[in-house]
C-alpha atoms as a PDB file:
ATOM      1  CA  MET A   1     -59.404  13.172 -61.512  1.00  0.00           C
ATOM      2  CA  ALA A   2     -59.399   9.095 -61.991  1.00  0.00           C
ATOM      3  CA  GLY A   3     -61.813   6.644 -60.988  1.00  0.00           C
ATOM      4  CA  ILE A   4     -61.472   3.170 -60.310  1.00  0.00           C
ATOM      5  CA  GLU A   5     -64.458   0.937 -60.390  1.00  0.00           C
ATOM      6  CA  VAL A   6     -64.398  -1.613 -57.378  1.00  0.00           C
ATOM      7  CA  SER A   7     -66.441  -4.427 -56.818  1.00  0.00           C
ATOM      8  CA  THR A   8     -65.294  -7.093 -54.085  1.00  0.00           C
ATOM      9  CA  GLY A   9     -67.821  -9.127 -52.085  1.00  0.00           C
ATOM     10  CA  GLU A  10     -69.950  -6.772 -50.072  1.00  0.00           C
ATOM     11  CA  LEU A  11     -67.491  -3.834 -51.482  1.00  0.00           C
ATOM     12  CA  VAL A  12     -69.343  -1.720 -54.404  1.00  0.00           C
ATOM     13  CA  GLY A  13     -67.820   1.546 -55.031  1.00  0.00           C
ATOM     14  CA  THR A  14     -66.087   3.918 -57.111  1.00  0.00           C
ATOM     15  CA  LEU A  15     -62.538   5.217 -55.631  1.00  0.00           C
ATOM     16  CA  ARG A  16     -62.174   8.674 -56.626  1.00  0.00           C
ATOM     17  CA  THR A  17     -57.779   9.256 -56.782  1.00  0.00           C
ATOM     18  CA  GLU A  18     -55.871  12.475 -57.242  1.00  0.00           C
ATOM     19  CA  GLY A  19     -52.642  12.338 -59.036  1.00  0.00           C
ATOM     20  CA  PRO A  20     -51.156   8.806 -58.612  1.00  0.00           C
ATOM     21  CA  VAL A  21     -53.672   5.741 -58.164  1.00  0.00           C
ATOM     22  CA  GLU A  22     -52.295   4.941 -55.100  1.00  0.00           C
ATOM     23  CA  ARG A  23     -53.460   8.091 -53.030  1.00  0.00           C
ATOM     24  CA  LEU A  24     -57.060   7.012 -51.907  1.00  0.00           C
ATOM     25  CA  VAL A  25     -59.422  10.170 -51.530  1.00  0.00           C
ATOM     26  CA  MET A  26     -62.607   7.972 -50.940  1.00  0.00           C
ATOM     27  CA  PRO A  27     -62.474   5.479 -47.610  1.00  0.00           C
ATOM     28  CA  LEU A  28     -64.100   1.868 -48.445  1.00  0.00           C
ATOM     29  CA  LEU A  29     -67.309   1.916 -46.625  1.00  0.00           C
ATOM     30  CA  GLY A  30     -69.495  -0.687 -45.215  1.00  0.00           C
ATOM     31  CA  LYS A  31     -73.144  -1.309 -45.203  1.00  0.00           C
ATOM     32  CA  LYS A  32     -75.431   1.333 -43.878  1.00  0.00           C
ATOM     33  CA  HIS A  33     -76.155   0.938 -40.160  1.00  0.00           C
ATOM     34  CA  THR A  34     -80.031   0.859 -39.423  1.00  0.00           C
ATOM     35  CA  GLY A  35     -80.143  -0.451 -36.322  1.00  0.00           C
ATOM     36  CA  MET A  36     -79.782   0.981 -32.653  1.00  0.00           C
ATOM     37  CA  LYS A  37     -76.365   2.898 -32.115  1.00  0.00           C
ATOM     38  CA  ILE A  38     -74.173   3.684 -29.100  1.00  0.00           C
ATOM     39  CA  SER A  39     -73.058   7.233 -28.413  1.00  0.00           C
ATOM     40  CA  ALA A  40     -69.163   7.479 -27.844  1.00  0.00           C
ATOM     41  CA  GLU A  41     -69.709  11.037 -26.717  1.00  0.00           C
ATOM     42  CA  GLY A  42     -71.888  10.067 -24.250  1.00  0.00           C
ATOM     43  CA  ILE A  43     -69.795   7.325 -22.656  1.00  0.00           C
ATOM     44  CA  LEU A  44     -66.499   9.127 -23.225  1.00  0.00           C
ATOM     45  CA  GLY A  45     -68.199  12.461 -22.101  1.00  0.00           C
ATOM     46  CA  ARG A  46     -69.106  10.803 -18.765  1.00  0.00           C
ATOM     47  CA  ILE A  47     -66.093   9.460 -17.899  1.00  0.00           C
ATOM     48  CA  ALA A  48     -64.320  12.575 -18.717  1.00  0.00           C
ATOM     49  CA  THR A  49     -66.131  14.636 -16.549  1.00  0.00           C
ATOM     50  CA  GLY A  50     -66.783  11.989 -13.707  1.00  0.00           C
ATOM     51  CA  ARG A  51     -70.578  11.706 -13.896  1.00  0.00           C
ATOM     52  CA  TYR A  52     -70.959   7.810 -13.565  1.00  0.00           C
ATOM     53  CA  TRP A  53     -74.180   6.017 -13.913  1.00  0.00           C
ATOM     54  CA  LYS A  54     -75.193   2.034 -13.421  1.00  0.00           C
ATOM     55  CA  GLY A  55     -74.444   1.003 -16.823  1.00  0.00           C
ATOM     56  CA  LEU A  56     -71.130   3.045 -17.824  1.00  0.00           C
ATOM     57  CA  ASP A  57     -69.153  -0.126 -16.797  1.00  0.00           C
ATOM     58  CA  TYR A  58     -70.861  -2.249 -19.520  1.00  0.00           C
ATOM     59  CA  GLY A  59     -70.786   0.281 -21.988  1.00  0.00           C
ATOM     60  CA  CYS A  60     -67.065   0.765 -21.644  1.00  0.00           C
ATOM     61  CA  GLU A  61     -66.304  -3.329 -21.812  1.00  0.00           C
ATOM     62  CA  VAL A  62     -68.625  -3.544 -24.735  1.00  0.00           C
ATOM     63  CA  MET A  63     -67.251  -0.524 -26.961  1.00  0.00           C
ATOM     64  CA  LEU A  64     -63.556  -2.173 -25.593  1.00  0.00           C
ATOM     65  CA  ASP A  65     -65.059  -5.629 -27.195  1.00  0.00           C
ATOM     66  CA  HIS A  66     -65.914  -3.592 -30.624  1.00  0.00           C
ATOM     67  CA  LEU A  67     -62.513  -2.067 -30.850  1.00  0.00           C
ATOM     68  CA  GLU A  68     -60.622  -5.088 -30.383  1.00  0.00           C
ATOM     69  CA  ARG A  69     -63.257  -6.977 -33.066  1.00  0.00           C
ATOM     70  CA  MET A  70     -62.455  -3.641 -35.211  1.00  0.00           C
ATOM     71  CA  ALA A  71     -58.827  -3.748 -35.008  1.00  0.00           C
ATOM     72  CA  GLU A  72     -58.864  -7.570 -35.781  1.00  0.00           C
ATOM     73  CA  ARG A  73     -60.879  -7.303 -39.213  1.00  0.00           C
ATOM     74  CA  PHE A  74     -58.989  -4.207 -40.357  1.00  0.00           C
ATOM     75  CA  TYR A  75     -55.827  -6.218 -39.528  1.00  0.00           C
ATOM     76  CA  ALA A  76     -57.190  -9.021 -41.510  1.00  0.00           C
ATOM     77  CA  GLY A  77     -57.657  -6.725 -44.477  1.00  0.00           C
ATOM     78  CA  ASP A  78     -61.494  -5.721 -44.413  1.00  0.00           C
ATOM     79  CA  PRO A  79     -61.533  -1.417 -43.937  1.00  0.00           C
ATOM     80  CA  THR A  80     -64.931  -1.994 -43.999  1.00  0.00           C
ATOM     81  CA  ALA A  81     -64.934  -2.674 -40.229  1.00  0.00           C
ATOM     82  CA  VAL A  82     -63.644   1.504 -38.924  1.00  0.00           C
ATOM     83  CA  ASP A  83     -66.456   2.621 -40.946  1.00  0.00           C
ATOM     84  CA  GLU A  84     -68.767  -0.240 -39.193  1.00  0.00           C
ATOM     85  CA  PHE A  85     -67.328   1.096 -35.854  1.00  0.00           C
ATOM     86  CA  LEU A  86     -67.534   4.726 -36.409  1.00  0.00           C
ATOM     87  CA  GLN A  87     -71.323   4.017 -37.456  1.00  0.00           C
ATOM     88  CA  LEU A  88     -72.628   2.008 -34.359  1.00  0.00           C
ATOM     89  CA  TYR A  89     -70.928   4.693 -32.304  1.00  0.00           C
ATOM     90  CA  ASP A  90     -72.818   7.445 -34.344  1.00  0.00           C
ATOM     91  CA  LEU A  91     -69.147   9.272 -35.085  1.00  0.00           C
ATOM     92  CA  ALA A  92     -70.282   8.771 -38.967  1.00  0.00           C
ATOM     93  CA  ASP A  93     -71.598  12.478 -39.460  1.00  0.00           C
ATOM     94  CA  LYS A  94     -69.062  13.174 -41.940  1.00  0.00           C
ATOM     95  CA  ARG A  95     -69.703   9.910 -43.885  1.00  0.00           C
ATOM     96  CA  PRO A  96     -69.879  10.282 -47.631  1.00  0.00           C
ATOM     97  CA  ALA A  97     -73.116   9.038 -49.517  1.00  0.00           C
ATOM     98  CA  ALA A  98     -72.459   5.304 -50.498  1.00  0.00           C
END
């Protein structure tokens, strides 16, 4: 298994590859999120089961805004936006150690 050292701005790490270097095994990770998190499972689970609560509309609006900003950053060339979103919405339980 080959390794490529990467250091661009805030991104630092080793990309592990299998076979051709073009096949990426480890994603580029953003900084470890240490602040408040939002439960995507809580928001989407309540919508799916029809269990409405007062802040649900606001939670959905904020999540949509974060999804739009993640997409803008990702398509502008910032792959760490996806990791940051997953951490914020408590979906990064399988995140590798940075």
